[in-house]
Amino acid sequence: MKINSYIFLLIILSTIFIACGGSSSSEEFVSSDNVYEMSDVTSAGWKMKRGFEIAEFPNSSDARWGFAPPNGREVAVIRYPSVDLANSDGLQAAKEQTEYIEPIEGIKAYGDKVEKTACRGFADYPPPYKLTDSNGINKTYLLNKNTFVEETKIPFSADCPRREPFYRVYLIEGNLVFLGELMRKEDLNMVEVSLKELAIKIREGKE
């Protein structure tokens, strides 16, 4: 009886191990060899807006940011003429734009080539944080080298405790490089899942 119970236990454990392995591998994302146009991305629901103001992406064809469905996450797309360039120059650019550096005395938490940064660290107020201008009008600031974009009713006056890269996750699909915004109350895995879903939708639209 003891031997039979032991064998039965081994079978159960082996089944669980195989099931977990299959589940893990199914979640892995493998880039295709597709070459896309920006129109392929907009066809998937991405709302293209403007280009980058400071960052330069050598050998790229386009570099734009916009908003992706379903929750309006800001996603930047850098397009390269080939898949090889996306995996070389594009990979380097993605690492530079999402570079997070553990802050020293709360002063800095991003790399030198990061164009967009976001304020993090306020417990009671979500970024972007609020400041009062010289006329006493409360405005919302984006902290990404842009000016205020809208009025707010929440008065707030404080220095930003910690600035981090606005884009924290990147993903490469074919000749496209995606940079994903880390939204409030999210972890990096949630951003990664969102980018994967967008990339798969674009890929399916190409098939």
N, C-alpha and C. Protein backbone atom coordinates (compact mmCIF):
# COMPACT_ATOMS: atom_id res chain seq x y z
N MET A 1 0.83 -1.21 0.00
CA MET A 1 0.00 0.00 0.00
C MET A 1 0.86 1.25 0.00
N LYS A 2 1.93 1.21 0.79
CA LYS A 2 2.79 2.38 0.87
C LYS A 2 3.46 2.65 -0.47
N ILE A 3 3.90 1.55 -1.15
CA ILE A 3 4.56 1.72 -2.46
C ILE A 3 3.58 2.29 -3.47
N ASN A 4 2.36 1.75 -3.47
CA ASN A 4 1.35 2.24 -4.41
C ASN A 4 1.03 3.71 -4.16
N SER A 5 0.94 4.08 -2.89
CA SER A 5 0.66 5.48 -2.55
C SER A 5 1.79 6.39 -3.00
N TYR A 6 3.02 5.91 -2.86
CA TYR A 6 4.18 6.68 -3.28
C TYR A 6 4.19 6.89 -4.78
N ILE A 7 3.88 5.81 -5.52
CA ILE A 7 3.84 5.90 -6.99
C ILE A 7 2.74 6.86 -7.43
N PHE A 8 1.57 6.75 -6.75
CA PHE A 8 0.46 7.63 -7.07
C PHE A 8 0.82 9.10 -6.85
N LEU A 9 1.54 9.36 -5.76
CA LEU A 9 1.96 10.72 -5.45
C LEU A 9 2.92 11.25 -6.51
N LEU A 10 3.84 10.40 -6.97
CA LEU A 10 4.78 10.81 -8.01
C LEU A 10 4.05 11.17 -9.30
N ILE A 11 3.02 10.38 -9.63
CA ILE A 11 2.25 10.66 -10.85
C ILE A 11 1.56 12.01 -10.75
N ILE A 12 0.97 12.29 -9.59
CA ILE A 12 0.28 13.57 -9.39
C ILE A 12 1.24 14.74 -9.52
N LEU A 13 2.41 14.61 -8.86
CA LEU A 13 3.40 15.69 -8.90
C LEU A 13 3.92 15.91 -10.31
N SER A 14 4.14 14.82 -11.06
CA SER A 14 4.63 14.93 -12.44
C SER A 14 3.61 15.64 -13.32
N THR A 15 2.33 15.32 -13.09
CA THR A 15 1.27 15.95 -13.88
C THR A 15 1.22 17.45 -13.63
N ILE A 16 1.34 17.82 -12.35
CA ILE A 16 1.33 19.24 -11.99
C ILE A 16 2.52 19.96 -12.60
N PHE A 17 3.69 19.36 -12.56
CA PHE A 17 4.91 19.96 -13.11
C PHE A 17 4.79 20.19 -14.61
N ILE A 18 4.27 19.19 -15.32
CA ILE A 18 4.11 19.31 -16.77
C ILE A 18 3.10 20.41 -17.10
N ALA A 19 2.00 20.47 -16.33
CA ALA A 19 0.97 21.49 -16.58
C ALA A 19 1.52 22.88 -16.37
N CYS A 20 2.32 23.07 -15.30
CA CYS A 20 2.90 24.38 -15.03
C CYS A 20 3.87 24.78 -16.12
N GLY A 21 4.66 23.85 -16.60
CA GLY A 21 5.62 24.13 -17.66
C GLY A 21 4.93 24.57 -18.93
N GLY A 22 3.82 23.90 -19.27
CA GLY A 22 3.08 24.25 -20.46
C GLY A 22 2.46 25.63 -20.35
N SER A 23 1.95 25.94 -19.18
CA SER A 23 1.35 27.26 -18.97
C SER A 23 2.37 28.36 -19.09
N SER A 24 3.56 28.14 -18.57
CA SER A 24 4.61 29.15 -18.61
C SER A 24 5.06 29.43 -20.03
N SER A 25 5.28 28.36 -20.80
CA SER A 25 5.79 28.54 -22.16
C SER A 25 4.76 29.21 -23.05
N SER A 26 3.45 28.97 -22.77
CA SER A 26 2.41 29.56 -23.61
C SER A 26 2.34 31.07 -23.44
N GLU A 27 2.87 31.61 -22.35
CA GLU A 27 2.83 33.04 -22.10
C GLU A 27 4.03 33.77 -22.69
N GLU A 28 5.01 33.04 -23.17
CA GLU A 28 6.19 33.69 -23.74
C GLU A 28 5.85 34.34 -25.07
N PHE A 29 6.44 35.50 -25.30
CA PHE A 29 6.20 36.22 -26.56
C PHE A 29 7.43 36.11 -27.43
N VAL A 30 7.22 35.67 -28.66
CA VAL A 30 8.31 35.56 -29.62
C VAL A 30 8.01 36.48 -30.79
N SER A 31 8.92 37.38 -31.07
CA SER A 31 8.71 38.33 -32.15
C SER A 31 8.67 37.63 -33.51
N SER A 32 7.85 38.15 -34.40
CA SER A 32 7.79 37.61 -35.77
C SER A 32 8.81 38.32 -36.65
N ASP A 33 8.85 37.92 -37.92
CA ASP A 33 9.73 38.56 -38.90
C ASP A 33 8.96 39.53 -39.78
N ASN A 34 7.77 39.93 -39.35
CA ASN A 34 6.96 40.83 -40.14
C ASN A 34 7.57 42.23 -40.21
N VAL A 35 7.34 42.88 -41.32
CA VAL A 35 7.74 44.29 -41.50
C VAL A 35 6.45 45.10 -41.61
N TYR A 36 6.25 46.01 -40.68
CA TYR A 36 5.00 46.75 -40.59
C TYR A 36 5.16 48.21 -41.02
N GLU A 37 4.01 48.80 -41.32
CA GLU A 37 3.89 50.24 -41.49
C GLU A 37 3.18 50.81 -40.26
N MET A 38 3.24 52.11 -40.07
CA MET A 38 2.53 52.72 -38.96
C MET A 38 1.02 52.50 -39.10
N SER A 39 0.55 52.39 -40.32
CA SER A 39 -0.89 52.16 -40.54
C SER A 39 -1.33 50.82 -39.96
N ASP A 40 -0.43 49.85 -39.88
CA ASP A 40 -0.77 48.56 -39.27
C ASP A 40 -1.04 48.73 -37.78
N VAL A 41 -0.32 49.67 -37.15
CA VAL A 41 -0.50 49.90 -35.72
C VAL A 41 -1.79 50.67 -35.47
N THR A 42 -2.06 51.69 -36.29
CA THR A 42 -3.29 52.45 -36.11
C THR A 42 -4.52 51.59 -36.41
N SER A 43 -4.38 50.63 -37.29
CA SER A 43 -5.50 49.73 -37.60
C SER A 43 -5.87 48.86 -36.40
N ALA A 44 -4.93 48.68 -35.48
CA ALA A 44 -5.19 47.90 -34.27
C ALA A 44 -5.79 48.75 -33.16
N GLY A 45 -6.06 50.03 -33.44
CA GLY A 45 -6.71 50.89 -32.47
C GLY A 45 -5.81 51.90 -31.79
N TRP A 46 -4.52 51.86 -32.11
CA TRP A 46 -3.57 52.81 -31.51
C TRP A 46 -3.79 54.20 -32.11
N LYS A 47 -3.97 55.20 -31.27
CA LYS A 47 -4.22 56.56 -31.73
C LYS A 47 -2.90 57.33 -31.78
N MET A 48 -2.35 57.48 -32.97
CA MET A 48 -1.05 58.12 -33.13
C MET A 48 -1.15 59.61 -32.89
N LYS A 49 -0.20 60.14 -32.11
CA LYS A 49 -0.14 61.56 -31.83
C LYS A 49 1.15 62.16 -32.38
N ARG A 50 1.99 62.68 -31.50
CA ARG A 50 3.16 63.41 -31.97
C ARG A 50 4.45 62.60 -31.85
N GLY A 51 5.53 63.20 -32.35
CA GLY A 51 6.83 62.58 -32.27
C GLY A 51 7.57 62.99 -31.01
N PHE A 52 8.77 62.46 -30.86
CA PHE A 52 9.61 62.81 -29.72
C PHE A 52 10.25 64.17 -29.97
N GLU A 53 10.45 64.94 -28.91
CA GLU A 53 11.00 66.28 -29.05
C GLU A 53 12.52 66.31 -28.92
N ILE A 54 13.07 65.43 -28.12
CA ILE A 54 14.50 65.48 -27.84
C ILE A 54 15.22 64.22 -28.31
N ALA A 55 14.67 63.06 -27.97
CA ALA A 55 15.34 61.80 -28.27
C ALA A 55 15.48 61.60 -29.77
N GLU A 56 16.62 61.05 -30.15
CA GLU A 56 16.89 60.72 -31.55
C GLU A 56 17.09 59.21 -31.67
N PHE A 57 16.55 58.63 -32.73
CA PHE A 57 16.64 57.19 -32.93
C PHE A 57 17.29 56.92 -34.28
N PRO A 58 18.63 56.80 -34.31
CA PRO A 58 19.35 56.58 -35.57
C PRO A 58 18.83 55.37 -36.33
N ASN A 59 18.72 55.53 -37.64
CA ASN A 59 18.32 54.47 -38.57
C ASN A 59 16.83 54.10 -38.47
N SER A 60 16.06 54.83 -37.67
CA SER A 60 14.63 54.54 -37.59
C SER A 60 13.89 55.25 -38.71
N SER A 61 12.71 54.75 -39.03
CA SER A 61 11.86 55.37 -40.05
C SER A 61 10.87 56.34 -39.44
N ASP A 62 10.31 55.96 -38.30
CA ASP A 62 9.34 56.79 -37.60
C ASP A 62 9.48 56.59 -36.10
N ALA A 63 9.07 57.59 -35.34
CA ALA A 63 9.02 57.48 -33.88
C ALA A 63 7.89 58.38 -33.40
N ARG A 64 6.81 57.77 -32.95
CA ARG A 64 5.64 58.52 -32.52
C ARG A 64 5.11 57.93 -31.22
N TRP A 65 4.41 58.76 -30.45
CA TRP A 65 3.70 58.26 -29.29
C TRP A 65 2.21 58.46 -29.51
N GLY A 66 1.41 57.64 -28.83
CA GLY A 66 -0.03 57.71 -28.97
C GLY A 66 -0.70 56.94 -27.85
N PHE A 67 -1.96 56.65 -28.03
CA PHE A 67 -2.73 55.99 -26.97
C PHE A 67 -3.31 54.68 -27.48
N ALA A 68 -3.13 53.64 -26.67
CA ALA A 68 -3.54 52.30 -27.08
C ALA A 68 -4.79 51.86 -26.34
N PRO A 69 -5.64 51.08 -27.01
CA PRO A 69 -6.82 50.53 -26.34
C PRO A 69 -6.39 49.41 -25.38
N PRO A 70 -7.23 49.03 -24.41
CA PRO A 70 -8.58 49.57 -24.20
C PRO A 70 -8.63 50.70 -23.17
N ASN A 71 -7.53 50.96 -22.46
CA ASN A 71 -7.58 51.92 -21.35
C ASN A 71 -6.83 53.21 -21.63
N GLY A 72 -6.47 53.46 -22.88
CA GLY A 72 -5.82 54.71 -23.23
C GLY A 72 -4.39 54.83 -22.75
N ARG A 73 -3.72 53.70 -22.56
CA ARG A 73 -2.32 53.72 -22.14
C ARG A 73 -1.47 54.41 -23.21
N GLU A 74 -0.54 55.26 -22.79
CA GLU A 74 0.36 55.85 -23.77
C GLU A 74 1.41 54.83 -24.18
N VAL A 75 1.51 54.63 -25.47
CA VAL A 75 2.47 53.69 -26.04
C VAL A 75 3.21 54.39 -27.17
N ALA A 76 4.52 54.39 -27.10
CA ALA A 76 5.32 54.94 -28.19
C ALA A 76 5.72 53.81 -29.13
N VAL A 77 5.80 54.13 -30.41
CA VAL A 77 6.18 53.14 -31.42
C VAL A 77 7.34 53.70 -32.23
N ILE A 78 8.43 52.94 -32.26
CA ILE A 78 9.59 53.30 -33.09
C ILE A 78 9.65 52.26 -34.21
N ARG A 79 9.59 52.73 -35.43
CA ARG A 79 9.58 51.82 -36.59
C ARG A 79 10.93 51.86 -37.30
N TYR A 80 11.42 50.68 -37.65
CA TYR A 80 12.71 50.56 -38.35
C TYR A 80 12.49 49.93 -39.72
N PRO A 81 13.39 50.18 -40.67
CA PRO A 81 13.22 49.62 -42.01
C PRO A 81 13.29 48.10 -42.05
N SER A 82 13.93 47.49 -41.05
CA SER A 82 14.09 46.04 -41.05
C SER A 82 13.98 45.48 -39.63
N VAL A 83 13.76 44.19 -39.57
CA VAL A 83 13.69 43.49 -38.29
C VAL A 83 15.05 43.51 -37.59
N ASP A 84 16.11 43.36 -38.39
CA ASP A 84 17.46 43.35 -37.81
C ASP A 84 17.78 44.67 -37.11
N LEU A 85 17.39 45.79 -37.73
CA LEU A 85 17.65 47.09 -37.12
C LEU A 85 16.82 47.28 -35.84
N ALA A 86 15.60 46.74 -35.85
CA ALA A 86 14.77 46.83 -34.65
C ALA A 86 15.40 46.06 -33.50
N ASN A 87 16.04 44.94 -33.82
CA ASN A 87 16.66 44.11 -32.79
C ASN A 87 18.05 44.58 -32.37
N SER A 88 18.59 45.55 -33.09
CA SER A 88 19.90 46.09 -32.71
C SER A 88 19.75 47.54 -32.24
N ASP A 89 19.57 48.45 -33.17
CA ASP A 89 19.40 49.86 -32.81
C ASP A 89 18.14 50.09 -31.99
N GLY A 90 17.07 49.39 -32.36
CA GLY A 90 15.81 49.55 -31.65
C GLY A 90 15.88 49.06 -30.22
N LEU A 91 16.56 47.95 -30.02
CA LEU A 91 16.73 47.41 -28.68
C LEU A 91 17.51 48.38 -27.80
N GLN A 92 18.55 48.98 -28.37
CA GLN A 92 19.35 49.95 -27.63
C GLN A 92 18.51 51.17 -27.26
N ALA A 93 17.73 51.66 -28.23
CA ALA A 93 16.88 52.82 -27.97
C ALA A 93 15.84 52.52 -26.89
N ALA A 94 15.26 51.33 -26.94
CA ALA A 94 14.25 50.94 -25.96
C ALA A 94 14.84 50.89 -24.55
N LYS A 95 16.03 50.35 -24.43
CA LYS A 95 16.69 50.28 -23.13
C LYS A 95 16.99 51.68 -22.59
N GLU A 96 17.38 52.58 -23.49
CA GLU A 96 17.69 53.95 -23.07
C GLU A 96 16.45 54.70 -22.60
N GLN A 97 15.33 54.50 -23.30
CA GLN A 97 14.11 55.24 -22.96
C GLN A 97 13.38 54.68 -21.74
N THR A 98 13.68 53.44 -21.37
CA THR A 98 13.03 52.84 -20.20
C THR A 98 14.01 52.66 -19.04
N GLU A 99 15.18 53.26 -19.14
CA GLU A 99 16.23 53.03 -18.15
C GLU A 99 15.86 53.58 -16.77
N TYR A 100 15.76 52.69 -15.82
CA TYR A 100 15.47 53.06 -14.44
C TYR A 100 16.73 52.88 -13.60
N ILE A 101 17.07 53.90 -12.85
CA ILE A 101 18.25 53.86 -11.98
C ILE A 101 17.77 54.07 -10.55
N GLU A 102 18.15 53.17 -9.66
CA GLU A 102 17.75 53.32 -8.27
C GLU A 102 18.17 54.70 -7.77
N PRO A 103 17.20 55.50 -7.30
CA PRO A 103 17.51 56.89 -6.93
C PRO A 103 18.48 57.00 -5.76
N ILE A 104 19.41 57.94 -5.89
CA ILE A 104 20.35 58.24 -4.81
C ILE A 104 19.85 59.48 -4.09
N GLU A 105 19.49 59.32 -2.85
CA GLU A 105 18.94 60.41 -2.03
C GLU A 105 17.71 61.03 -2.69
N GLY A 106 16.99 60.21 -3.45
CA GLY A 106 15.74 60.67 -4.07
C GLY A 106 15.90 61.68 -5.17
N ILE A 107 17.11 61.83 -5.71
CA ILE A 107 17.35 62.89 -6.69
C ILE A 107 16.99 62.46 -8.11
N LYS A 108 17.39 61.24 -8.50
CA LYS A 108 17.22 60.84 -9.88
C LYS A 108 16.95 59.35 -9.98
N ALA A 109 16.11 58.97 -10.94
CA ALA A 109 15.79 57.56 -11.09
C ALA A 109 15.67 57.17 -12.55
N TYR A 110 16.36 57.90 -13.43
CA TYR A 110 16.25 57.61 -14.86
C TYR A 110 17.56 57.91 -15.58
N GLY A 111 17.74 57.28 -16.72
CA GLY A 111 18.95 57.45 -17.49
C GLY A 111 19.03 58.78 -18.20
N ASP A 112 20.21 59.11 -18.68
CA ASP A 112 20.46 60.41 -19.30
C ASP A 112 19.69 60.63 -20.60
N LYS A 113 19.32 59.55 -21.31
CA LYS A 113 18.66 59.70 -22.60
C LYS A 113 17.14 59.55 -22.53
N VAL A 114 16.61 59.39 -21.32
CA VAL A 114 15.16 59.30 -21.16
C VAL A 114 14.52 60.64 -21.49
N GLU A 115 13.59 60.65 -22.42
CA GLU A 115 12.95 61.92 -22.78
C GLU A 115 11.80 62.24 -21.83
N LYS A 116 10.93 61.29 -21.59
CA LYS A 116 9.75 61.54 -20.77
C LYS A 116 9.92 60.93 -19.38
N THR A 117 9.60 61.73 -18.37
CA THR A 117 9.64 61.23 -17.00
C THR A 117 8.31 61.50 -16.33
N ALA A 118 8.00 60.74 -15.29
CA ALA A 118 6.77 60.90 -14.54
C ALA A 118 7.07 61.00 -13.07
N CYS A 119 6.25 61.74 -12.37
CA CYS A 119 6.44 61.88 -10.93
C CYS A 119 5.87 60.68 -10.21
N ARG A 120 6.67 60.08 -9.33
CA ARG A 120 6.22 58.94 -8.52
C ARG A 120 6.48 59.27 -7.06
N GLY A 121 5.77 58.59 -6.20
CA GLY A 121 6.10 58.69 -4.79
C GLY A 121 5.08 59.37 -3.91
N PHE A 122 4.12 60.11 -4.51
CA PHE A 122 3.08 60.72 -3.69
C PHE A 122 2.05 59.67 -3.30
N ALA A 123 1.77 59.54 -2.04
CA ALA A 123 0.84 58.52 -1.58
C ALA A 123 -0.61 58.92 -1.80
N ASP A 124 -0.91 60.23 -1.72
CA ASP A 124 -2.29 60.67 -1.74
C ASP A 124 -2.76 61.23 -3.07
N TYR A 125 -1.82 61.56 -3.95
CA TYR A 125 -2.20 62.16 -5.22
C TYR A 125 -1.52 61.42 -6.36
N PRO A 126 -2.29 61.07 -7.40
CA PRO A 126 -1.69 60.38 -8.53
C PRO A 126 -0.91 61.35 -9.41
N PRO A 127 0.12 60.88 -10.12
CA PRO A 127 0.77 61.74 -11.10
C PRO A 127 -0.16 61.91 -12.30
N PRO A 128 -0.07 63.01 -13.04
CA PRO A 128 0.85 64.11 -12.83
C PRO A 128 0.48 64.96 -11.62
N TYR A 129 1.47 65.59 -11.02
CA TYR A 129 1.17 66.33 -9.80
C TYR A 129 0.74 67.76 -10.12
N LYS A 130 0.23 68.46 -9.10
CA LYS A 130 -0.38 69.77 -9.30
C LYS A 130 0.47 70.88 -8.72
N LEU A 131 0.51 71.97 -9.43
CA LEU A 131 1.21 73.15 -8.95
C LEU A 131 0.34 74.38 -9.20
N THR A 132 0.60 75.44 -8.48
CA THR A 132 -0.11 76.69 -8.67
C THR A 132 0.78 77.66 -9.42
N ASP A 133 0.27 78.20 -10.54
CA ASP A 133 1.09 79.10 -11.33
C ASP A 133 1.11 80.49 -10.71
N SER A 134 1.78 81.43 -11.36
CA SER A 134 1.96 82.77 -10.80
C SER A 134 0.66 83.53 -10.65
N ASN A 135 -0.37 83.11 -11.40
CA ASN A 135 -1.67 83.77 -11.31
C ASN A 135 -2.59 83.12 -10.28
N GLY A 136 -2.08 82.14 -9.56
CA GLY A 136 -2.89 81.48 -8.55
C GLY A 136 -3.86 80.46 -9.09
N ILE A 137 -3.69 80.06 -10.36
CA ILE A 137 -4.59 79.08 -10.98
C ILE A 137 -3.95 77.70 -10.88
N ASN A 138 -4.71 76.73 -10.40
CA ASN A 138 -4.19 75.37 -10.28
C ASN A 138 -4.20 74.69 -11.65
N LYS A 139 -3.07 74.13 -12.02
CA LYS A 139 -2.94 73.46 -13.30
C LYS A 139 -2.32 72.09 -13.11
N THR A 140 -2.56 71.21 -14.09
CA THR A 140 -1.96 69.88 -14.06
C THR A 140 -0.73 69.89 -14.96
N TYR A 141 0.39 69.42 -14.44
CA TYR A 141 1.62 69.35 -15.20
C TYR A 141 1.98 67.90 -15.46
N LEU A 142 2.54 67.61 -16.63
CA LEU A 142 2.88 66.24 -16.99
C LEU A 142 4.28 65.81 -16.59
N LEU A 143 5.15 66.74 -16.28
CA LEU A 143 6.52 66.41 -15.88
C LEU A 143 7.29 65.66 -16.97
N ASN A 144 6.99 65.96 -18.21
CA ASN A 144 7.72 65.32 -19.29
C ASN A 144 8.21 66.36 -20.30
N LYS A 145 8.64 67.49 -19.72
CA LYS A 145 9.15 68.61 -20.50
C LYS A 145 8.04 69.31 -21.29
N ASN A 146 6.78 69.06 -20.94
CA ASN A 146 5.67 69.76 -21.56
C ASN A 146 5.11 70.78 -20.58
N THR A 147 4.30 71.69 -21.08
CA THR A 147 3.65 72.66 -20.20
C THR A 147 2.35 72.05 -19.67
N PHE A 148 1.62 72.82 -18.82
CA PHE A 148 0.38 72.29 -18.26
C PHE A 148 -0.62 72.00 -19.37
N VAL A 149 -1.49 71.04 -19.13
CA VAL A 149 -2.44 70.64 -20.16
C VAL A 149 -3.89 70.81 -19.74
N GLU A 150 -4.18 70.92 -18.46
CA GLU A 150 -5.56 71.08 -18.07
C GLU A 150 -5.66 71.66 -16.66
N GLU A 151 -6.81 72.24 -16.33
CA GLU A 151 -7.03 72.76 -15.00
C GLU A 151 -7.45 71.64 -14.07
N THR A 152 -7.19 71.80 -12.81
CA THR A 152 -7.62 70.82 -11.83
C THR A 152 -8.18 71.52 -10.61
N LYS A 153 -9.08 70.89 -9.92
CA LYS A 153 -9.70 71.46 -8.73
C LYS A 153 -8.95 71.08 -7.46
N ILE A 154 -7.93 70.23 -7.59
CA ILE A 154 -7.20 69.76 -6.41
C ILE A 154 -5.95 70.61 -6.23
N PRO A 155 -5.91 71.49 -5.23
CA PRO A 155 -4.71 72.29 -5.01
C PRO A 155 -3.58 71.42 -4.47
N PHE A 156 -2.40 71.63 -4.99
CA PHE A 156 -1.27 70.83 -4.53
C PHE A 156 0.01 71.59 -4.80
N SER A 157 0.87 71.66 -3.82
CA SER A 157 2.12 72.37 -3.99
C SER A 157 3.22 71.61 -3.28
N ALA A 158 4.15 71.04 -4.06
CA ALA A 158 5.24 70.26 -3.46
C ALA A 158 6.24 69.92 -4.54
N ASP A 159 7.46 69.64 -4.13
CA ASP A 159 8.46 69.16 -5.06
C ASP A 159 8.19 67.69 -5.33
N CYS A 160 8.51 67.26 -6.53
CA CYS A 160 8.31 65.86 -6.87
C CYS A 160 9.32 65.00 -6.11
N PRO A 161 8.87 64.01 -5.34
CA PRO A 161 9.79 63.22 -4.54
C PRO A 161 10.66 62.28 -5.36
N ARG A 162 10.15 61.84 -6.50
CA ARG A 162 10.93 60.90 -7.31
C ARG A 162 10.42 60.90 -8.74
N ARG A 163 11.31 61.10 -9.67
CA ARG A 163 10.94 61.05 -11.08
C ARG A 163 11.53 59.80 -11.70
N GLU A 164 10.71 59.10 -12.47
CA GLU A 164 11.11 57.85 -13.10
C GLU A 164 10.81 57.92 -14.60
N PRO A 165 11.36 57.00 -15.38
CA PRO A 165 11.00 56.97 -16.81
C PRO A 165 9.50 56.82 -16.97
N PHE A 166 8.93 57.58 -17.86
CA PHE A 166 7.50 57.49 -18.15
C PHE A 166 7.20 56.12 -18.77
N TYR A 167 8.07 55.71 -19.71
CA TYR A 167 7.94 54.38 -20.31
C TYR A 167 8.84 53.42 -19.52
N ARG A 168 8.26 52.35 -19.00
CA ARG A 168 9.02 51.44 -18.17
C ARG A 168 9.21 50.06 -18.78
N VAL A 169 8.45 49.73 -19.84
CA VAL A 169 8.53 48.41 -20.45
C VAL A 169 8.62 48.57 -21.96
N TYR A 170 9.45 47.74 -22.59
CA TYR A 170 9.53 47.75 -24.05
C TYR A 170 9.27 46.35 -24.60
N LEU A 171 8.87 46.32 -25.88
CA LEU A 171 8.60 45.05 -26.56
C LEU A 171 8.91 45.24 -28.03
N ILE A 172 9.51 44.24 -28.63
CA ILE A 172 9.83 44.28 -30.06
C ILE A 172 8.97 43.26 -30.80
N GLU A 173 8.29 43.71 -31.82
CA GLU A 173 7.52 42.84 -32.70
C GLU A 173 7.88 43.19 -34.13
N GLY A 174 8.56 42.26 -34.82
CA GLY A 174 8.99 42.53 -36.19
C GLY A 174 9.94 43.71 -36.23
N ASN A 175 9.60 44.72 -37.03
CA ASN A 175 10.44 45.91 -37.15
C ASN A 175 9.96 47.05 -36.25
N LEU A 176 9.05 46.73 -35.31
CA LEU A 176 8.49 47.75 -34.42
C LEU A 176 9.01 47.59 -33.01
N VAL A 177 9.26 48.72 -32.37
CA VAL A 177 9.64 48.75 -30.96
C VAL A 177 8.56 49.50 -30.21
N PHE A 178 7.99 48.87 -29.19
CA PHE A 178 6.94 49.48 -28.39
C PHE A 178 7.49 49.89 -27.02
N LEU A 179 7.11 51.06 -26.57
CA LEU A 179 7.45 51.54 -25.23
C LEU A 179 6.15 51.79 -24.48
N GLY A 180 5.97 51.14 -23.32
CA GLY A 180 4.70 51.21 -22.62
C GLY A 180 4.74 52.04 -21.36
N GLU A 181 3.69 52.83 -21.17
CA GLU A 181 3.54 53.66 -19.97
C GLU A 181 3.18 52.80 -18.76
N LEU A 182 3.80 53.09 -17.63
CA LEU A 182 3.41 52.49 -16.36
C LEU A 182 2.34 53.37 -15.73
N MET A 183 1.11 52.87 -15.71
CA MET A 183 0.00 53.65 -15.16
C MET A 183 -0.09 53.46 -13.65
N ARG A 184 -0.82 54.34 -13.00
CA ARG A 184 -0.94 54.31 -11.55
C ARG A 184 -1.55 52.98 -11.09
N LYS A 185 -1.03 52.47 -9.98
CA LYS A 185 -1.49 51.22 -9.36
C LYS A 185 -1.26 50.01 -10.25
N GLU A 186 -0.27 50.08 -11.13
CA GLU A 186 0.11 48.94 -11.96
C GLU A 186 1.50 48.46 -11.58
N ASP A 187 1.80 47.20 -11.93
CA ASP A 187 3.17 46.73 -11.86
C ASP A 187 3.67 46.54 -13.29
N LEU A 188 4.96 46.26 -13.43
CA LEU A 188 5.56 46.17 -14.76
C LEU A 188 4.99 45.01 -15.57
N ASN A 189 4.57 43.95 -14.90
CA ASN A 189 4.01 42.81 -15.61
C ASN A 189 2.72 43.19 -16.33
N MET A 190 1.93 44.06 -15.73
CA MET A 190 0.69 44.49 -16.35
C MET A 190 0.95 45.30 -17.61
N VAL A 191 2.00 46.09 -17.60
CA VAL A 191 2.37 46.85 -18.80
C VAL A 191 2.83 45.89 -19.89
N GLU A 192 3.61 44.90 -19.51
CA GLU A 192 4.11 43.92 -20.47
C GLU A 192 2.97 43.16 -21.13
N VAL A 193 2.00 42.74 -20.34
CA VAL A 193 0.84 42.03 -20.88
C VAL A 193 0.09 42.90 -21.88
N SER A 194 -0.07 44.17 -21.56
CA SER A 194 -0.77 45.10 -22.44
C SER A 194 -0.04 45.26 -23.78
N LEU A 195 1.28 45.37 -23.73
CA LEU A 195 2.05 45.50 -24.97
C LEU A 195 1.99 44.23 -25.81
N LYS A 196 2.01 43.08 -25.15
CA LYS A 196 1.90 41.81 -25.87
C LYS A 196 0.56 41.71 -26.58
N GLU A 197 -0.49 42.12 -25.91
CA GLU A 197 -1.83 42.06 -26.52
C GLU A 197 -1.90 42.96 -27.74
N LEU A 198 -1.31 44.16 -27.63
CA LEU A 198 -1.31 45.07 -28.78
C LEU A 198 -0.49 44.49 -29.93
N ALA A 199 0.68 43.94 -29.63
CA ALA A 199 1.53 43.37 -30.67
C ALA A 199 0.86 42.21 -31.37
N ILE A 200 0.19 41.35 -30.62
CA ILE A 200 -0.49 40.20 -31.21
C ILE A 200 -1.64 40.66 -32.11
N LYS A 201 -2.35 41.70 -31.67
CA LYS A 201 -3.45 42.23 -32.48
C LYS A 201 -2.93 42.79 -33.80
N ILE A 202 -1.79 43.47 -33.74
CA ILE A 202 -1.19 44.01 -34.96
C ILE A 202 -0.74 42.87 -35.88
N ARG A 203 -0.15 41.85 -35.29
CA ARG A 203 0.32 40.69 -36.06
C ARG A 203 -0.84 39.99 -36.74
N GLU A 204 -1.93 39.81 -36.01
CA GLU A 204 -3.10 39.13 -36.58
C GLU A 204 -3.70 39.94 -37.73
N GLY A 205 -3.62 41.27 -37.62
CA GLY A 205 -4.15 42.11 -38.69
C GLY A 205 -3.30 42.03 -39.95
N LYS A 206 -2.07 41.60 -39.80
CA LYS A 206 -1.16 41.47 -40.95
C LYS A 206 -1.35 40.14 -41.66
N GLU A 207 -1.91 39.17 -40.97
CA GLU A 207 -2.05 37.81 -41.54
C GLU A 207 -3.19 37.75 -42.54
